[in-house]
Amino acid sequence: MAATDGRATKRPNSVWLTERPPLKRKADQPAGLDLDKIIATSVRLLDAEGLAKFSMRRLAAELGVTAMSVYWYVDTKDDLLELAIDAVAGEMPLPDESDPGADWRDQLRALAVAYRDMLLRHPWAARLLGEFINIGPHATAFANATLRVMRRSGLAPETASGALASVFHFVYGFSTIRALHEARCRAAGISLDEYFGQVVAAVSDRPEFAEAMELSIRAGETRKGLTALEMLERDFEVALDIQIAGIEALRDRAAHREG
């Protein structure tokens, strides 16, 4: 049943959908403070201390100003977080589309790696990507680039969105879990290799893990000499190759049916 209280037509809240009057510097505003500096400092604090410890008061202290000075540039903390998430989205390089002969597979792979690297550099971004609608200019440019690359794959338009979801949801999940493991290691003061070693040692003599351990040992024979990060990198590359191969298979299956 359709809502009758106006909720059905209400726009989602977003800093990108809110019109703000142009800023006019006040005489008592701190010199050298502007929105770009506020966003950059926010990103630096989020990287260093995480989302849970981030506050407007903490940000103002880092900037050497009052919290009210920050609120002169942004209305809410959520608005600032939206600006921060789009700022880090701007770090992801976009493919050069000037070469019509460029391989869409290579470009899609590069976009996926860029997304992975951004999530690993900024672990706090993963949660915010699920909370905001991400329609800032950098996020939109990235999304449009993925759509243009997918268009060149030959996949039917009605399946392109699902194919992109398959790739980038995989990257999101893989990167988020890896970032959580790395954060846990930092908190414990151990390396990722030491962490995985502790996990293996804890379950190696448990009968319910015997089958998994046997498979892990077999896989480990082909990975001797690799660090945990190198193994994760290899797994990511294989999984991404499978995603791209799946897109090709879906495209070819559709072409076979039509033929």
Protein backbone atom coordinates (compact mmCIF):
# COMPACT_ATOMS: atom_id res chain seq x y z
CA MET A 1 0.00 0.00 0.00
CA ALA A 2 1.35 3.43 -0.92
CA ALA A 3 2.21 5.85 1.86
CA THR A 4 -0.17 8.77 2.20
CA ASP A 5 1.86 10.99 4.52
CA GLY A 6 4.32 12.25 1.93
CA ARG A 7 7.09 9.82 2.76
CA ALA A 8 6.96 8.17 -0.65
CA THR A 9 8.13 11.36 -2.37
CA LYS A 10 10.58 12.56 0.28
CA ARG A 11 14.14 12.90 -1.00
CA PRO A 12 16.90 11.06 0.85
CA ASN A 13 19.01 13.26 3.07
CA SER A 14 22.33 14.14 1.46
CA VAL A 15 24.73 17.03 1.51
CA TRP A 16 24.73 16.79 -2.29
CA LEU A 17 20.97 17.43 -2.44
CA THR A 18 21.01 20.40 -0.07
CA GLU A 19 21.44 23.89 -1.44
CA ARG A 20 23.58 26.03 0.80
CA PRO A 21 23.99 29.78 0.40
CA PRO A 22 27.46 30.95 -0.70
CA LEU A 23 29.87 31.43 2.16
CA LYS A 24 30.79 34.98 3.08
CA ARG A 25 33.77 35.26 5.32
CA LYS A 26 33.10 36.80 8.69
CA ALA A 27 35.66 38.97 10.42
CA ASP A 28 35.93 36.52 13.33
CA GLN A 29 36.48 33.43 11.16
CA PRO A 30 39.94 31.88 11.63
CA ALA A 31 42.39 32.77 8.87
CA GLY A 32 43.41 29.91 6.61
CA LEU A 33 40.36 27.80 7.40
CA ASP A 34 38.29 26.60 4.47
CA LEU A 35 36.16 23.60 3.54
CA ASP A 36 38.97 21.80 1.70
CA LYS A 37 41.19 21.99 4.76
CA ILE A 38 38.37 20.75 6.98
CA ILE A 39 37.70 17.78 4.71
CA ALA A 40 41.39 16.88 4.38
CA THR A 41 41.86 17.04 8.15
CA SER A 42 38.76 14.92 8.66
CA VAL A 43 40.13 12.24 6.35
CA ARG A 44 43.47 12.29 8.15
CA LEU A 45 41.79 11.91 11.55
CA LEU A 46 39.51 9.14 10.33
CA ASP A 47 42.52 7.27 8.95
CA ALA A 48 44.46 7.66 12.19
CA GLU A 49 41.74 7.16 14.80
CA GLY A 50 38.77 5.55 13.09
CA LEU A 51 35.12 6.45 12.78
CA ALA A 52 34.17 5.70 16.39
CA LYS A 53 36.52 8.36 17.79
CA PHE A 54 35.74 11.01 15.20
CA SER A 55 33.82 14.04 16.44
CA MET A 56 33.40 17.65 15.49
CA ARG A 57 35.03 18.67 18.76
CA ARG A 58 38.04 16.45 18.04
CA LEU A 59 38.25 17.86 14.51
CA ALA A 60 38.07 21.44 15.75
CA ALA A 61 40.89 20.76 18.21
CA GLU A 62 43.03 19.33 15.41
CA LEU A 63 42.36 22.42 13.32
CA GLY A 64 43.00 24.74 16.26
CA VAL A 65 39.57 26.36 16.03
CA THR A 66 36.24 26.19 17.83
CA ALA A 67 33.59 23.67 16.85
CA MET A 68 31.32 26.55 15.83
CA SER A 69 33.91 27.62 13.26
CA VAL A 70 33.60 24.19 11.62
CA TYR A 71 29.81 24.34 11.65
CA TRP A 72 30.02 27.55 9.67
CA TYR A 73 31.17 25.41 6.74
CA VAL A 74 29.01 22.29 7.25
CA ASP A 75 25.61 21.89 8.86
CA THR A 76 26.10 18.47 10.45
CA LYS A 77 28.70 15.82 11.16
CA ASP A 78 26.97 13.55 8.62
CA ASP A 79 27.38 16.21 5.94
CA LEU A 80 31.10 16.33 6.67
CA LEU A 81 31.38 12.53 6.54
CA GLU A 82 29.65 12.55 3.16
CA LEU A 83 32.17 15.09 1.93
CA ALA A 84 35.02 12.97 3.31
CA ILE A 85 33.81 9.77 1.64
CA ASP A 86 33.60 11.53 -1.71
CA ALA A 87 37.05 13.03 -1.21
CA VAL A 88 38.62 9.57 -0.88
CA ALA A 89 36.57 8.37 -3.85
CA GLY A 90 38.49 10.98 -5.80
CA GLU A 91 41.70 9.04 -5.14
CA MET A 92 40.60 6.22 -7.44
CA PRO A 93 42.11 6.68 -10.90
CA LEU A 94 39.72 6.39 -13.83
CA PRO A 95 40.58 4.57 -17.05
CA ASP A 96 41.86 6.43 -20.08
CA GLU A 97 38.94 6.24 -22.49
CA SER A 98 40.71 7.95 -25.36
CA ASP A 99 41.89 4.60 -26.78
CA PRO A 100 38.93 2.85 -28.46
CA GLY A 101 40.95 -0.37 -28.63
CA ALA A 102 41.56 -0.60 -24.87
CA ASP A 103 40.55 -3.93 -23.34
CA TRP A 104 37.48 -3.54 -21.16
CA ARG A 105 38.66 -6.45 -18.99
CA ASP A 106 41.88 -4.65 -18.12
CA GLN A 107 39.98 -1.44 -17.38
CA LEU A 108 37.41 -3.19 -15.19
CA ARG A 109 40.21 -4.96 -13.34
CA ALA A 110 41.99 -1.63 -12.78
CA LEU A 111 38.80 -0.06 -11.42
CA ALA A 112 38.27 -2.98 -9.05
CA VAL A 113 41.86 -2.76 -7.79
CA ALA A 114 41.50 1.00 -7.29
CA TYR A 115 38.34 0.42 -5.26
CA ARG A 116 40.10 -2.25 -3.18
CA ASP A 117 43.09 -0.02 -2.52
CA MET A 118 40.90 2.90 -1.47
CA LEU A 119 39.00 0.72 1.02
CA LEU A 120 42.26 -0.58 2.48
CA ARG A 121 43.75 2.91 2.81
CA HIS A 122 40.59 4.20 4.49
CA PRO A 123 38.94 1.34 6.44
CA TRP A 124 36.30 3.69 7.86
CA ALA A 125 34.96 4.27 4.34
CA ALA A 126 33.34 0.82 4.11
CA ARG A 127 30.72 1.59 6.73
CA LEU A 128 29.92 5.01 5.31
CA LEU A 129 29.47 3.58 1.82
CA GLY A 130 26.58 1.59 3.27
CA GLU A 131 25.06 4.56 5.09
CA PHE A 132 25.10 7.31 2.46
CA ILE A 133 23.81 7.33 -1.12
CA ASN A 134 27.22 8.34 -2.49
CA ILE A 135 26.25 10.76 -5.23
CA GLY A 136 29.12 13.19 -4.83
CA PRO A 137 31.06 14.21 -7.95
CA HIS A 138 33.94 11.78 -7.43
CA ALA A 139 31.72 8.82 -6.60
CA THR A 140 29.50 9.61 -9.57
CA ALA A 141 32.49 9.87 -11.92
CA PHE A 142 33.71 6.47 -10.73
CA ALA A 143 30.27 4.88 -11.12
CA ASN A 144 29.88 6.34 -14.62
CA ALA A 145 33.31 5.03 -15.60
CA THR A 146 32.35 1.51 -14.52
CA LEU A 147 29.16 1.72 -16.56
CA ARG A 148 31.00 2.86 -19.67
CA VAL A 149 33.54 0.06 -19.31
CA MET A 150 30.77 -2.51 -18.85
CA ARG A 151 28.97 -1.18 -21.91
CA ARG A 152 32.01 -2.10 -23.98
CA SER A 153 31.93 -5.69 -22.68
CA GLY A 154 29.03 -6.54 -24.96
CA LEU A 155 26.86 -7.58 -22.04
CA ALA A 156 23.15 -6.87 -22.45
CA PRO A 157 22.16 -3.57 -20.79
CA GLU A 158 19.60 -5.25 -18.53
CA THR A 159 22.31 -7.43 -16.97
CA ALA A 160 25.08 -4.83 -16.72
CA SER A 161 23.98 -3.53 -13.31
CA GLY A 162 23.96 -7.00 -11.80
CA ALA A 163 27.36 -7.78 -13.29
CA LEU A 164 28.86 -4.64 -11.79
CA ALA A 165 27.25 -5.45 -8.44
CA SER A 166 28.85 -8.89 -8.56
CA VAL A 167 32.31 -7.41 -9.10
CA PHE A 168 32.19 -4.50 -6.71
CA HIS A 169 30.27 -6.23 -3.94
CA PHE A 170 32.95 -8.91 -4.02
CA VAL A 171 35.67 -6.23 -3.82
CA TYR A 172 33.84 -4.50 -0.97
CA GLY A 173 33.50 -7.70 1.05
CA PHE A 174 37.03 -8.93 0.41
CA SER A 175 38.58 -5.56 1.25
CA THR A 176 36.45 -4.95 4.33
CA ILE A 177 37.32 -8.32 5.87
CA ARG A 178 41.01 -7.84 5.11
CA ALA A 179 40.95 -4.35 6.63
CA LEU A 180 39.32 -5.72 9.79
CA HIS A 181 42.01 -8.40 10.09
CA GLU A 182 44.75 -5.81 9.63
CA ALA A 183 43.16 -3.53 12.23
CA ARG A 184 42.98 -6.41 14.69
CA CYS A 185 46.65 -7.15 14.11
CA ARG A 186 47.64 -3.53 14.66
CA ALA A 187 45.66 -3.45 17.90
CA ALA A 188 47.38 -6.63 19.10
CA GLY A 189 50.82 -5.49 17.94
CA ILE A 190 51.36 -8.52 15.71
CA SER A 191 51.81 -9.08 11.99
CA LEU A 192 49.20 -10.59 9.70
CA ASP A 193 51.40 -13.67 9.33
CA GLU A 194 51.53 -14.08 13.10
CA TYR A 195 47.76 -13.65 13.35
CA PHE A 196 47.03 -16.34 10.77
CA GLY A 197 49.62 -18.57 12.44
CA GLN A 198 47.82 -18.21 15.76
CA VAL A 199 44.48 -19.06 14.16
CA VAL A 200 45.90 -22.20 12.53
CA ALA A 201 47.55 -23.29 15.77
CA ALA A 202 44.31 -22.80 17.69
CA VAL A 203 42.24 -25.06 15.41
CA SER A 204 44.80 -27.54 14.07
CA ASP A 205 44.06 -30.21 16.69
CA ARG A 206 40.27 -29.79 16.67
CA PRO A 207 38.52 -32.67 14.83
CA GLU A 208 35.75 -30.46 13.47
CA PHE A 209 38.36 -28.49 11.51
CA ALA A 210 40.23 -31.53 10.17
CA GLU A 211 38.82 -31.35 6.64
CA ALA A 212 39.42 -27.63 6.33
CA MET A 213 42.95 -28.05 7.66
CA GLU A 214 43.70 -30.80 5.13
CA LEU A 215 42.53 -28.62 2.26
CA SER A 216 44.53 -25.69 3.62
CA ILE A 217 47.67 -27.80 3.84
CA ARG A 218 47.25 -28.94 0.23
CA ALA A 219 46.75 -25.37 -0.92
CA GLY A 220 49.71 -24.28 1.17
CA GLU A 221 52.04 -26.60 -0.74
CA THR A 222 51.68 -24.33 -3.76
CA ARG A 223 52.12 -21.18 -1.68
CA LYS A 224 55.35 -21.90 0.13
CA GLY A 225 57.43 -18.80 0.68
CA LEU A 226 54.49 -16.42 0.32
CA THR A 227 53.54 -14.01 3.08
CA ALA A 228 49.95 -13.67 4.23
CA LEU A 229 49.60 -10.45 2.24
CA GLU A 230 50.98 -12.12 -0.88
CA MET A 231 48.50 -14.96 -0.47
CA LEU A 232 45.65 -12.50 -0.03
CA GLU A 233 46.80 -10.66 -3.15
CA ARG A 234 46.84 -13.90 -5.13
CA ASP A 235 43.37 -14.86 -3.88
CA PHE A 236 42.05 -11.45 -4.84
CA GLU A 237 43.48 -11.70 -8.35
CA VAL A 238 42.03 -15.18 -8.87
CA ALA A 239 38.62 -14.17 -7.56
CA LEU A 240 38.59 -11.07 -9.75
CA ASP A 241 39.54 -13.14 -12.79
CA ILE A 242 36.61 -15.44 -12.03
CA GLN A 243 34.26 -12.46 -11.82
CA ILE A 244 35.39 -11.18 -15.21
CA ALA A 245 35.24 -14.67 -16.73
CA GLY A 246 31.68 -14.93 -15.45
CA ILE A 247 30.73 -11.72 -17.24
CA GLU A 248 32.21 -13.07 -20.48
CA ALA A 249 30.37 -16.37 -20.04
CA LEU A 250 27.07 -14.57 -19.41
CA ARG A 251 27.60 -12.44 -22.50
CA ASP A 252 28.54 -15.41 -24.70
CA ARG A 253 25.60 -17.49 -23.44
CA ALA A 254 23.18 -14.72 -24.36
CA ALA A 255 24.78 -14.38 -27.81
CA HIS A 256 24.51 -18.16 -28.36
CA ARG A 257 20.80 -18.11 -27.50
CA GLU A 258 20.16 -15.24 -29.88
CA GLY A 259 22.16 -16.96 -32.61
